[in-house]
Amino acid sequence: MLNNQDLSRQIDEATDRTYIDIYADVPTFNIICLGKSGSGKTTLLNAVFGKELGETGIGQPVTKKN
């Protein structure tokens, strides 16, 4: 039977794994996120996935390409 210290260590080890380790078997997929320039689409995707997938800023649009 696990004691609290062993259980805590196992939880810490499990949460230290990267997204690649956790989702290695998940197939690749595309996401479409529509909205006006500067409306927070990239910020939303960064929040959903818990990592910086794209650069964001306050005020002026950041990811717009000419």
PDB file of N, CA and C in Angstrom:
ATOM      1  N   MET A   1       0.835  -1.183   0.000  1.00  0.00           N
ATOM      2  CA  MET A   1       0.000   0.000   0.000  1.00  0.00           C
ATOM      3  C   MET A   1       0.883   1.250   0.000  1.00  0.00           C
ATOM      4  N   LEU A   2       0.492   2.258  -0.764  1.00  0.00           N
ATOM      5  CA  LEU A   2       1.260   3.495  -0.852  1.00  0.00           C
ATOM      6  C   LEU A   2       0.978   4.399   0.342  1.00  0.00           C
ATOM      7  N   ASN A   3       2.052   5.009   0.837  1.00  0.00           N
ATOM      8  CA  ASN A   3       1.836   6.024   1.856  1.00  0.00           C
ATOM      9  C   ASN A   3       1.697   7.374   1.161  1.00  0.00           C
ATOM     10  N   ASN A   4       1.396   8.415   1.912  1.00  0.00           N
ATOM     11  CA  ASN A   4       1.172   9.742   1.325  1.00  0.00           C
ATOM     12  C   ASN A   4       2.392  10.260   0.580  1.00  0.00           C
ATOM     13  N   GLN A   5       3.585  10.005   1.109  1.00  0.00           N
ATOM     14  CA  GLN A   5       4.806  10.496   0.472  1.00  0.00           C
ATOM     15  C   GLN A   5       5.016   9.807  -0.878  1.00  0.00           C
ATOM     16  N   ASP A   6       4.813   8.489  -0.930  1.00  0.00           N
ATOM     17  CA  ASP A   6       4.964   7.762  -2.196  1.00  0.00           C
ATOM     18  C   ASP A   6       3.933   8.220  -3.216  1.00  0.00           C
ATOM     19  N   LEU A   7       2.710   8.405  -2.776  1.00  0.00           N
ATOM     20  CA  LEU A   7       1.650   8.849  -3.670  1.00  0.00           C
ATOM     21  C   LEU A   7       1.947  10.244  -4.197  1.00  0.00           C
ATOM     22  N   SER A   8       2.410  11.125  -3.338  1.00  0.00           N
ATOM     23  CA  SER A   8       2.766  12.485  -3.741  1.00  0.00           C
ATOM     24  C   SER A   8       3.885  12.469  -4.772  1.00  0.00           C
ATOM     25  N   ARG A   9       4.887  11.614  -4.569  1.00  0.00           N
ATOM     26  CA  ARG A   9       6.001  11.506  -5.509  1.00  0.00           C
ATOM     27  C   ARG A   9       5.505  11.009  -6.865  1.00  0.00           C
ATOM     28  N   GLN A  10       4.633  10.015  -6.865  1.00  0.00           N
ATOM     29  CA  GLN A  10       4.110   9.484  -8.128  1.00  0.00           C
ATOM     30  C   GLN A  10       3.281  10.528  -8.877  1.00  0.00           C
ATOM     31  N   ILE A  11       2.508  11.311  -8.153  1.00  0.00           N
ATOM     32  CA  ILE A  11       1.726  12.375  -8.780  1.00  0.00           C
ATOM     33  C   ILE A  11       2.656  13.418  -9.383  1.00  0.00           C
ATOM     34  N   ASP A  12       3.701  13.805  -8.640  1.00  0.00           N
ATOM     35  CA  ASP A  12       4.671  14.774  -9.154  1.00  0.00           C
ATOM     36  C   ASP A  12       5.348  14.263 -10.427  1.00  0.00           C
ATOM     37  N   GLU A  13       5.726  13.011 -10.444  1.00  0.00           N
ATOM     38  CA  GLU A  13       6.379  12.435 -11.616  1.00  0.00           C
ATOM     39  C   GLU A  13       5.425  12.411 -12.810  1.00  0.00           C
ATOM     40  N   ALA A  14       4.177  12.082 -12.559  1.00  0.00           N
ATOM     41  CA  ALA A  14       3.191  12.010 -13.642  1.00  0.00           C
ATOM     42  C   ALA A  14       2.920  13.388 -14.229  1.00  0.00           C
ATOM     43  N   THR A  15       2.866  14.406 -13.388  1.00  0.00           N
ATOM     44  CA  THR A  15       2.569  15.745 -13.887  1.00  0.00           C
ATOM     45  C   THR A  15       3.785  16.386 -14.537  1.00  0.00           C
ATOM     46  N   ASP A  16       4.978  15.844 -14.324  1.00  0.00           N
ATOM     47  CA  ASP A  16       6.187  16.378 -14.950  1.00  0.00           C
ATOM     48  C   ASP A  16       6.339  15.936 -16.401  1.00  0.00           C
ATOM     49  N   ARG A  17       5.567  14.936 -16.829  1.00  0.00           N
ATOM     50  CA  ARG A  17       5.677  14.482 -18.213  1.00  0.00           C
ATOM     51  C   ARG A  17       5.237  15.584 -19.160  1.00  0.00           C
ATOM     52  N   THR A  18       5.830  15.610 -20.330  1.00  0.00           N
ATOM     53  CA  THR A  18       5.483  16.632 -21.317  1.00  0.00           C
ATOM     54  C   THR A  18       4.223  16.240 -22.067  1.00  0.00           C
ATOM     55  N   TYR A  19       3.638  17.213 -22.780  1.00  0.00           N
ATOM     56  CA  TYR A  19       2.468  16.926 -23.601  1.00  0.00           C
ATOM     57  C   TYR A  19       2.780  15.865 -24.639  1.00  0.00           C
ATOM     58  N   ILE A  20       4.001  15.841 -25.137  1.00  0.00           N
ATOM     59  CA  ILE A  20       4.379  14.842 -26.132  1.00  0.00           C
ATOM     60  C   ILE A  20       4.276  13.441 -25.540  1.00  0.00           C
ATOM     61  N   ASP A  21       4.728  13.272 -24.304  1.00  0.00           N
ATOM     62  CA  ASP A  21       4.631  11.968 -23.649  1.00  0.00           C
ATOM     63  C   ASP A  21       3.178  11.564 -23.433  1.00  0.00           C
ATOM     64  N   ILE A  22       2.374  12.498 -22.982  1.00  0.00           N
ATOM     65  CA  ILE A  22       0.991  12.195 -22.628  1.00  0.00           C
ATOM     66  C   ILE A  22       0.147  11.931 -23.877  1.00  0.00           C
ATOM     67  N   TYR A  23       0.359  12.739 -24.922  1.00  0.00           N
ATOM     68  CA  TYR A  23      -0.490  12.650 -26.102  1.00  0.00           C
ATOM     69  C   TYR A  23       0.203  12.019 -27.305  1.00  0.00           C
ATOM     70  N   ALA A  24       1.168  11.164 -27.081  1.00  0.00           N
ATOM     71  CA  ALA A  24       1.931  10.557 -28.176  1.00  0.00           C
ATOM     72  C   ALA A  24       1.037   9.764 -29.130  1.00  0.00           C
ATOM     73  N   ASP A  25      -0.030   9.177 -28.636  1.00  0.00           N
ATOM     74  CA  ASP A  25      -0.898   8.352 -29.474  1.00  0.00           C
ATOM     75  C   ASP A  25      -2.064   9.123 -30.086  1.00  0.00           C
ATOM     76  N   VAL A  26      -2.177  10.413 -29.794  1.00  0.00           N
ATOM     77  CA  VAL A  26      -3.264  11.222 -30.338  1.00  0.00           C
ATOM     78  C   VAL A  26      -2.887  11.653 -31.759  1.00  0.00           C
ATOM     79  N   PRO A  27      -3.774  11.431 -32.726  1.00  0.00           N
ATOM     80  CA  PRO A  27      -3.442  11.811 -34.101  1.00  0.00           C
ATOM     81  C   PRO A  27      -3.373  13.330 -34.266  1.00  0.00           C
ATOM     82  N   THR A  28      -2.668  13.765 -35.301  1.00  0.00           N
ATOM     83  CA  THR A  28      -2.581  15.184 -35.632  1.00  0.00           C
ATOM     84  C   THR A  28      -3.950  15.671 -36.098  1.00  0.00           C
ATOM     85  N   PHE A  29      -4.271  16.906 -35.756  1.00  0.00           N
ATOM     86  CA  PHE A  29      -5.545  17.472 -36.172  1.00  0.00           C
ATOM     87  C   PHE A  29      -5.377  18.967 -36.416  1.00  0.00           C
ATOM     88  N   ASN A  30      -6.315  19.547 -37.142  1.00  0.00           N
ATOM     89  CA  ASN A  30      -6.316  20.975 -37.437  1.00  0.00           C
ATOM     90  C   ASN A  30      -7.432  21.647 -36.661  1.00  0.00           C
ATOM     91  N   ILE A  31      -7.194  22.891 -36.281  1.00  0.00           N
ATOM     92  CA  ILE A  31      -8.197  23.690 -35.585  1.00  0.00           C
ATOM     93  C   ILE A  31      -8.387  24.981 -36.376  1.00  0.00           C
ATOM     94  N   ILE A  32      -9.624  25.357 -36.581  1.00  0.00           N
ATOM     95  CA  ILE A  32      -9.929  26.639 -37.210  1.00  0.00           C
ATOM     96  C   ILE A  32     -10.506  27.540 -36.134  1.00  0.00           C
ATOM     97  N   CYS A  33      -9.910  28.700 -35.992  1.00  0.00           N
ATOM     98  CA  CYS A  33     -10.363  29.682 -35.012  1.00  0.00           C
ATOM     99  C   CYS A  33     -10.567  30.995 -35.765  1.00  0.00           C
ATOM    100  N   LEU A  34     -11.810  31.426 -35.908  1.00  0.00           N
ATOM    101  CA  LEU A  34     -12.141  32.596 -36.709  1.00  0.00           C
ATOM    102  C   LEU A  34     -12.496  33.788 -35.830  1.00  0.00           C
ATOM    103  N   GLY A  35     -12.127  34.968 -36.298  1.00  0.00           N
ATOM    104  CA  GLY A  35     -12.476  36.194 -35.592  1.00  0.00           C
ATOM    105  C   GLY A  35     -11.701  37.364 -36.167  1.00  0.00           C
ATOM    106  N   LYS A  36     -12.073  38.552 -35.736  1.00  0.00           N
ATOM    107  CA  LYS A  36     -11.393  39.764 -36.182  1.00  0.00           C
ATOM    108  C   LYS A  36      -9.950  39.768 -35.734  1.00  0.00           C
ATOM    109  N   SER A  37      -9.134  40.519 -36.454  1.00  0.00           N
ATOM    110  CA  SER A  37      -7.734  40.684 -36.077  1.00  0.00           C
ATOM    111  C   SER A  37      -7.651  41.336 -34.702  1.00  0.00           C
ATOM    112  N   GLY A  38      -6.846  40.764 -33.827  1.00  0.00           N
ATOM    113  CA  GLY A  38      -6.669  41.324 -32.486  1.00  0.00           C
ATOM    114  C   GLY A  38      -7.751  40.944 -31.499  1.00  0.00           C
ATOM    115  N   SER A  39      -8.607  39.960 -31.853  1.00  0.00           N
ATOM    116  CA  SER A  39      -9.725  39.613 -30.969  1.00  0.00           C
ATOM    117  C   SER A  39      -9.384  38.571 -29.908  1.00  0.00           C
ATOM    118  N   GLY A  40      -8.179  37.987 -29.946  1.00  0.00           N
ATOM    119  CA  GLY A  40      -7.767  37.053 -28.911  1.00  0.00           C
ATOM    120  C   GLY A  40      -7.779  35.592 -29.306  1.00  0.00           C
ATOM    121  N   LYS A  41      -7.767  35.301 -30.595  1.00  0.00           N
ATOM    122  CA  LYS A  41      -7.792  33.909 -31.049  1.00  0.00           C
ATOM    123  C   LYS A  41      -6.558  33.141 -30.582  1.00  0.00           C
ATOM    124  N   THR A  42      -5.390  33.734 -30.753  1.00  0.00           N
ATOM    125  CA  THR A  42      -4.149  33.073 -30.342  1.00  0.00           C
ATOM    126  C   THR A  42      -4.089  32.936 -28.822  1.00  0.00           C
ATOM    127  N   THR A  43      -4.538  33.946 -28.110  1.00  0.00           N
ATOM    128  CA  THR A  43      -4.581  33.884 -26.651  1.00  0.00           C
ATOM    129  C   THR A  43      -5.466  32.731 -26.196  1.00  0.00           C
ATOM    130  N   LEU A  44      -6.607  32.553 -26.854  1.00  0.00           N
ATOM    131  CA  LEU A  44      -7.516  31.452 -26.532  1.00  0.00           C
ATOM    132  C   LEU A  44      -6.836  30.103 -26.749  1.00  0.00           C
ATOM    133  N   LEU A  45      -6.197  29.932 -27.908  1.00  0.00           N
ATOM    134  CA  LEU A  45      -5.528  28.656 -28.199  1.00  0.00           C
ATOM    135  C   LEU A  45      -4.389  28.387 -27.217  1.00  0.00           C
ATOM    136  N   ASN A  46      -3.626  29.422 -26.871  1.00  0.00           N
ATOM    137  CA  ASN A  46      -2.559  29.255 -25.877  1.00  0.00           C
ATOM    138  C   ASN A  46      -3.136  28.793 -24.547  1.00  0.00           C
ATOM    139  N   ALA A  47      -4.261  29.367 -24.140  1.00  0.00           N
ATOM    140  CA  ALA A  47      -4.886  29.002 -22.865  1.00  0.00           C
ATOM    141  C   ALA A  47      -5.429  27.577 -22.899  1.00  0.00           C
ATOM    142  N   VAL A  48      -6.055  27.200 -23.993  1.00  0.00           N
ATOM    143  CA  VAL A  48      -6.629  25.859 -24.114  1.00  0.00           C
ATOM    144  C   VAL A  48      -5.543  24.791 -24.033  1.00  0.00           C
ATOM    145  N   PHE A  49      -4.414  25.030 -24.716  1.00  0.00           N
ATOM    146  CA  PHE A  49      -3.358  24.026 -24.756  1.00  0.00           C
ATOM    147  C   PHE A  49      -2.307  24.188 -23.662  1.00  0.00           C
ATOM    148  N   GLY A  50      -2.390  25.261 -22.877  1.00  0.00           N
ATOM    149  CA  GLY A  50      -1.497  25.433 -21.733  1.00  0.00           C
ATOM    150  C   GLY A  50      -0.049  25.690 -22.102  1.00  0.00           C
ATOM    151  N   LYS A  51       0.201  26.206 -23.294  1.00  0.00           N
ATOM    152  CA  LYS A  51       1.560  26.539 -23.706  1.00  0.00           C
ATOM    153  C   LYS A  51       1.494  27.612 -24.775  1.00  0.00           C
ATOM    154  N   GLU A  52       2.610  28.306 -24.991  1.00  0.00           N
ATOM    155  CA  GLU A  52       2.621  29.387 -25.961  1.00  0.00           C
ATOM    156  C   GLU A  52       2.812  28.829 -27.367  1.00  0.00           C
ATOM    157  N   LEU A  53       1.705  28.672 -28.072  1.00  0.00           N
ATOM    158  CA  LEU A  53       1.738  28.198 -29.450  1.00  0.00           C
ATOM    159  C   LEU A  53       1.980  29.353 -30.414  1.00  0.00           C
ATOM    160  N   GLY A  54       1.610  30.541 -29.995  1.00  0.00           N
ATOM    161  CA  GLY A  54       1.795  31.728 -30.809  1.00  0.00           C
ATOM    162  C   GLY A  54       2.004  32.931 -29.912  1.00  0.00           C
ATOM    163  N   GLU A  55       2.686  33.930 -30.460  1.00  0.00           N
ATOM    164  CA  GLU A  55       2.975  35.147 -29.704  1.00  0.00           C
ATOM    165  C   GLU A  55       1.695  35.970 -29.558  1.00  0.00           C
ATOM    166  N   THR A  56       1.508  36.554 -28.387  1.00  0.00           N
ATOM    167  CA  THR A  56       0.343  37.405 -28.137  1.00  0.00           C
ATOM    168  C   THR A  56       0.794  38.739 -27.576  1.00  0.00           C
ATOM    169  N   GLY A  57      -0.112  39.694 -27.585  1.00  0.00           N
ATOM    170  CA  GLY A  57       0.197  41.015 -27.051  1.00  0.00           C
ATOM    171  C   GLY A  57      -1.075  41.723 -26.625  1.00  0.00           C
ATOM    172  N   ILE A  58      -0.927  42.946 -26.162  1.00  0.00           N
ATOM    173  CA  ILE A  58      -2.067  43.750 -25.732  1.00  0.00           C
ATOM    174  C   ILE A  58      -2.178  44.928 -26.685  1.00  0.00           C
ATOM    175  N   GLY A  59      -3.384  45.173 -27.183  1.00  0.00           N
ATOM    176  CA  GLY A  59      -3.591  46.309 -28.080  1.00  0.00           C
ATOM    177  C   GLY A  59      -3.548  45.908 -29.524  1.00  0.00           C
ATOM    178  N   GLN A  60      -2.435  46.156 -30.193  1.00  0.00           N
ATOM    179  CA  GLN A  60      -2.290  45.884 -31.622  1.00  0.00           C
ATOM    180  C   GLN A  60      -2.157  44.381 -31.895  1.00  0.00           C
ATOM    181  N   PRO A  61      -2.698  43.920 -33.035  1.00  0.00           N
ATOM    182  CA  PRO A  61      -2.549  42.510 -33.415  1.00  0.00           C
ATOM    183  C   PRO A  61      -1.069  42.139 -33.536  1.00  0.00           C
ATOM    184  N   VAL A  62      -0.731  40.924 -33.141  1.00  0.00           N
ATOM    185  CA  VAL A  62       0.664  40.470 -33.134  1.00  0.00           C
ATOM    186  C   VAL A  62       0.932  39.458 -34.232  1.00  0.00           C
ATOM    187  N   THR A  63       0.017  38.526 -34.484  1.00  0.00           N
ATOM    188  CA  THR A  63       0.298  37.408 -35.386  1.00  0.00           C
ATOM    189  C   THR A  63      -0.095  37.698 -36.827  1.00  0.00           C
ATOM    190  N   LYS A  64      -0.622  38.869 -37.134  1.00  0.00           N
ATOM    191  CA  LYS A  64      -1.041  39.211 -38.497  1.00  0.00           C
ATOM    192  C   LYS A  64       0.166  39.261 -39.423  1.00  0.00           C
ATOM    193  N   LYS A  65       0.039  38.614 -40.570  1.00  0.00           N
ATOM    194  CA  LYS A  65       1.086  38.606 -41.589  1.00  0.00           C
ATOM    195  C   LYS A  65       0.645  39.482 -42.750  1.00  0.00           C
ATOM    196  N   ASN A  66       1.565  40.272 -43.315  1.00  0.00           N
ATOM    197  CA  ASN A  66       1.240  41.120 -44.472  1.00  0.00           C
ATOM    198  C   ASN A  66       1.345  40.345 -45.756  1.00  0.00           C
TER     199      ASN A  66
END
